[in-house]
Amino acid sequence: MNNNFRSLSKDKIEFVKRFTEDTELAKCLLSNDPAFKDYSLTEKDKENLLWNNIYPCQYTLDVNEEAKSCITMKFKYKKVSSSNIWKAGYITFFLFCHKTLLETKYGVLRYDYMLEKVNELILNTKNTSWIGKMEFDNMEEIVMDNKGNYIGVMVVYRNTELL
């Protein structure tokens, strides 16, 4: 496999790793309680986030699945100058939850809380060599399924190094 493609996959896994390491975000994703910050989180819980609540690809839940909160993502790659290297030019995150989980005890919608935590992780990254310097590009509210059960936001970040 081309090393360039392998590094693209590593970027996705790095997002999952950083998201699962954020205790407050993990609690929000795992607990269906409006007071999710009180959730007693275990390391096993964090390990189970991948492919249950966090998907390193674009994914839509089956409307018959249990009510839960999720983060999915989509990457748009761009070639770096005249080299044969690609970097994520745009990263889109889909942050959503079942409509019965929208309300929280903290004065914000659940997906807005998720957005706050994801934004912190993207903009406060210490290692810009990982994905480059990202900045907020745009955001819109979304309905993820045709029955209106999963509601959230789609937020796009762009790599300022590739402008």
Foldseek 3Di string as FASTA:
>chain_A
DPVQVVLVVVLLVVLLVLQLVPVVSLQLFPDLALASVPDDDDVVSSVPCDPPAEDSADDFDDPPDDWTWHKYKHFDWDDAPPDPHIAGFKMKIWTKTFPSSQHHPPPGGSQVVSVVVSVCCLQVDPDCVSRANKDWDDKDKDQRDPVSGMTHMMTMIGHPSRD
